[in-house]
Amino acid sequence: MTSRSADINALTLRASARRGGVWRGLARFVRAKPLGAIGAAMIVALVAVAALAPVIAPYDPIAILRGRLFLPPQAGNVLGTDNLGRDQLSRILWGAQVSLYVGIGAVAVGTTLGAVVGLVSAYVGGVFDALVQRVGKAWRAHALVEQLGWAT
């Protein structure tokens, strides 16, 4: 066996080992962190629903149907209709897009502002850095106090 054929065989073995590696890694993640897997599945489902809303929504979410006000859940309207006759399921499916936009926007703004404040604080240093750190600690402590129910 030549050196070239040995290299090709080694590459083939590595590639074949990687083929099932993604699924094995995913299965290992699900077993090791089931709550993380459930959270990831929920995020994937929300993104899929938001992306497919135009296809899977049975009605136009803003179409007003005057004769179909306050209908209870039924075959044509799985979640019923509202006071203007709009299908609730369609509104929820289309609302997933808005939820994603707001969530992604909030994370982007928070990350950007946090990075800018942190970089400026690190660059300036001194008293300003200490002040920024204290404000950050107070902010986190306030959130913890509220979550624990100690805030009055």
Protein backbone atom coordinates (compact mmCIF):
# COMPACT_ATOMS: atom_id res chain seq x y z
CA MET A 1 0.00 0.00 0.00
CA THR A 2 1.42 3.35 -1.00
CA SER A 3 1.47 6.42 1.14
CA ARG A 4 -1.09 8.14 -1.08
CA SER A 5 -3.61 5.31 -0.82
CA ALA A 6 -3.09 5.14 2.96
CA ASP A 7 -3.88 8.87 3.19
CA ILE A 8 -7.00 8.43 1.08
CA ASN A 9 -8.14 5.48 3.25
CA ALA A 10 -7.57 7.52 6.41
CA LEU A 11 -9.61 10.42 5.01
CA THR A 12 -12.40 8.05 3.98
CA LEU A 13 -12.50 6.53 7.47
CA ARG A 14 -12.63 9.96 9.09
CA ALA A 15 -15.41 11.10 6.76
CA SER A 16 -17.46 7.97 7.40
CA ALA A 17 -17.01 8.41 11.15
CA ARG A 18 -18.30 11.97 10.84
CA ARG A 19 -21.43 10.96 8.92
CA GLY A 20 -23.19 9.57 11.96
CA GLY A 21 -21.39 11.95 14.26
CA VAL A 22 -23.95 14.73 14.08
CA TRP A 23 -26.84 12.47 15.04
CA ARG A 24 -24.80 10.76 17.73
CA GLY A 25 -23.77 14.12 19.11
CA LEU A 26 -27.38 15.30 19.09
CA ALA A 27 -28.53 12.14 20.87
CA ARG A 28 -25.75 12.56 23.43
CA PHE A 29 -26.83 16.18 24.02
CA VAL A 30 -30.47 15.15 24.49
CA ARG A 31 -29.48 12.51 27.04
CA ALA A 32 -27.06 14.78 28.89
CA LYS A 33 -29.18 17.95 28.90
CA PRO A 34 -32.86 17.13 28.34
CA LEU A 35 -34.07 20.59 29.39
CA GLY A 36 -31.64 22.22 26.98
CA ALA A 37 -32.90 19.94 24.23
CA ILE A 38 -36.51 20.84 25.02
CA GLY A 39 -35.64 24.55 24.95
CA ALA A 40 -33.82 24.14 21.64
CA ALA A 41 -36.79 22.25 20.20
CA MET A 42 -39.13 25.04 21.29
CA ILE A 43 -36.94 27.66 19.63
CA VAL A 44 -36.73 25.62 16.42
CA ALA A 45 -40.52 25.18 16.46
CA LEU A 46 -41.10 28.92 16.98
CA VAL A 47 -38.74 29.80 14.14
CA ALA A 48 -40.38 27.20 11.88
CA VAL A 49 -43.88 28.49 12.69
CA ALA A 50 -42.79 32.09 12.08
CA ALA A 51 -41.12 31.21 8.80
CA LEU A 52 -44.05 29.12 7.59
CA ALA A 53 -46.85 31.41 8.83
CA PRO A 54 -47.83 32.54 5.31
CA VAL A 55 -48.19 28.90 4.28
CA ILE A 56 -49.83 27.32 7.34
CA ALA A 57 -52.14 30.14 8.52
CA PRO A 58 -55.67 29.26 7.38
CA TYR A 59 -56.88 32.89 7.06
CA ASP A 60 -55.57 36.42 6.66
CA PRO A 61 -54.77 37.58 10.21
CA ILE A 62 -56.13 41.09 9.70
CA ALA A 63 -59.16 40.30 7.56
CA ILE A 64 -62.32 41.47 9.33
CA LEU A 65 -65.30 39.18 8.82
CA ARG A 66 -68.37 40.94 10.21
CA GLY A 67 -70.63 37.89 10.29
CA ARG A 68 -68.16 35.74 12.25
CA LEU A 69 -67.81 37.68 15.53
CA PHE A 70 -66.89 35.84 18.75
CA LEU A 71 -67.23 32.36 17.25
CA PRO A 72 -66.18 29.54 19.56
CA PRO A 73 -63.61 26.99 18.42
CA GLN A 74 -64.99 24.91 15.57
CA ALA A 75 -63.86 23.10 12.43
CA GLY A 76 -63.33 26.27 10.36
CA ASN A 77 -61.76 28.28 13.17
CA VAL A 78 -59.73 26.00 15.43
CA LEU A 79 -59.25 28.68 18.12
CA GLY A 80 -62.37 30.70 17.31
CA THR A 81 -62.64 34.34 16.30
CA ASP A 82 -62.32 37.66 18.13
CA ASN A 83 -64.64 40.67 18.40
CA LEU A 84 -63.92 41.63 14.78
CA GLY A 85 -64.27 38.14 13.35
CA ARG A 86 -60.51 37.60 12.87
CA ASP A 87 -59.26 34.03 13.11
CA GLN A 88 -57.26 33.59 16.33
CA LEU A 89 -55.03 30.79 15.06
CA SER A 90 -53.92 32.88 12.07
CA ARG A 91 -53.20 35.83 14.34
CA ILE A 92 -51.08 33.68 16.67
CA LEU A 93 -49.12 32.14 13.79
CA TRP A 94 -48.39 35.55 12.24
CA GLY A 95 -47.65 36.97 15.69
CA ALA A 96 -44.74 34.54 16.01
CA GLN A 97 -42.87 36.64 13.45
CA VAL A 98 -43.36 39.78 15.53
CA SER A 99 -42.21 37.93 18.66
CA LEU A 100 -39.03 36.82 16.94
CA TYR A 101 -38.30 40.31 15.60
CA VAL A 102 -38.79 41.86 19.03
CA GLY A 103 -36.70 39.19 20.78
CA ILE A 104 -33.84 39.33 18.31
CA GLY A 105 -33.92 43.14 18.31
CA ALA A 106 -33.84 43.31 22.11
CA VAL A 107 -30.90 40.93 22.29
CA ALA A 108 -29.05 42.87 19.59
CA VAL A 109 -29.60 46.22 21.32
CA GLY A 110 -28.68 44.85 24.75
CA THR A 111 -25.57 43.13 23.47
CA THR A 112 -24.45 46.20 21.54
CA LEU A 113 -25.01 48.59 24.43
CA GLY A 114 -23.36 46.23 26.91
CA ALA A 115 -20.34 45.79 24.67
CA VAL A 116 -19.98 49.54 24.09
CA VAL A 117 -20.30 50.37 27.81
CA GLY A 118 -17.86 47.57 28.72
CA LEU A 119 -15.30 48.63 26.13
CA VAL A 120 -15.51 52.30 27.12
CA SER A 121 -15.28 51.35 30.79
CA ALA A 122 -12.22 49.19 30.19
CA TYR A 123 -10.58 51.84 28.02
CA VAL A 124 -11.17 54.74 30.41
CA GLY A 125 -10.56 52.74 33.59
CA GLY A 126 -10.18 54.27 37.02
CA VAL A 127 -13.18 55.74 38.79
CA PHE A 128 -15.42 55.41 35.72
CA ASP A 129 -14.67 51.68 35.50
CA ALA A 130 -15.41 51.21 39.21
CA LEU A 131 -18.67 53.16 38.86
CA VAL A 132 -19.81 51.09 35.87
CA GLN A 133 -19.04 47.89 37.78
CA ARG A 134 -21.02 49.04 40.84
CA VAL A 135 -24.00 50.05 38.72
CA GLY A 136 -23.91 46.65 37.02
CA LYS A 137 -23.77 44.82 40.34
CA ALA A 138 -26.62 46.92 41.75
CA TRP A 139 -28.68 46.20 38.62
CA ARG A 140 -28.16 42.45 38.96
CA ALA A 141 -28.83 42.53 42.71
CA HIS A 142 -32.09 44.40 42.14
CA ALA A 143 -33.21 41.78 39.60
CA LEU A 144 -32.33 38.98 42.06
CA VAL A 145 -34.25 40.70 44.87
CA GLU A 146 -37.31 41.02 42.63
CA GLN A 147 -37.12 37.39 41.48
CA LEU A 148 -36.87 36.16 45.04
CA GLY A 149 -39.90 38.24 45.99
CA TRP A 150 -38.11 40.35 48.57
CA ALA A 151 -38.90 43.65 46.85
CA THR A 152 -41.80 45.55 48.39
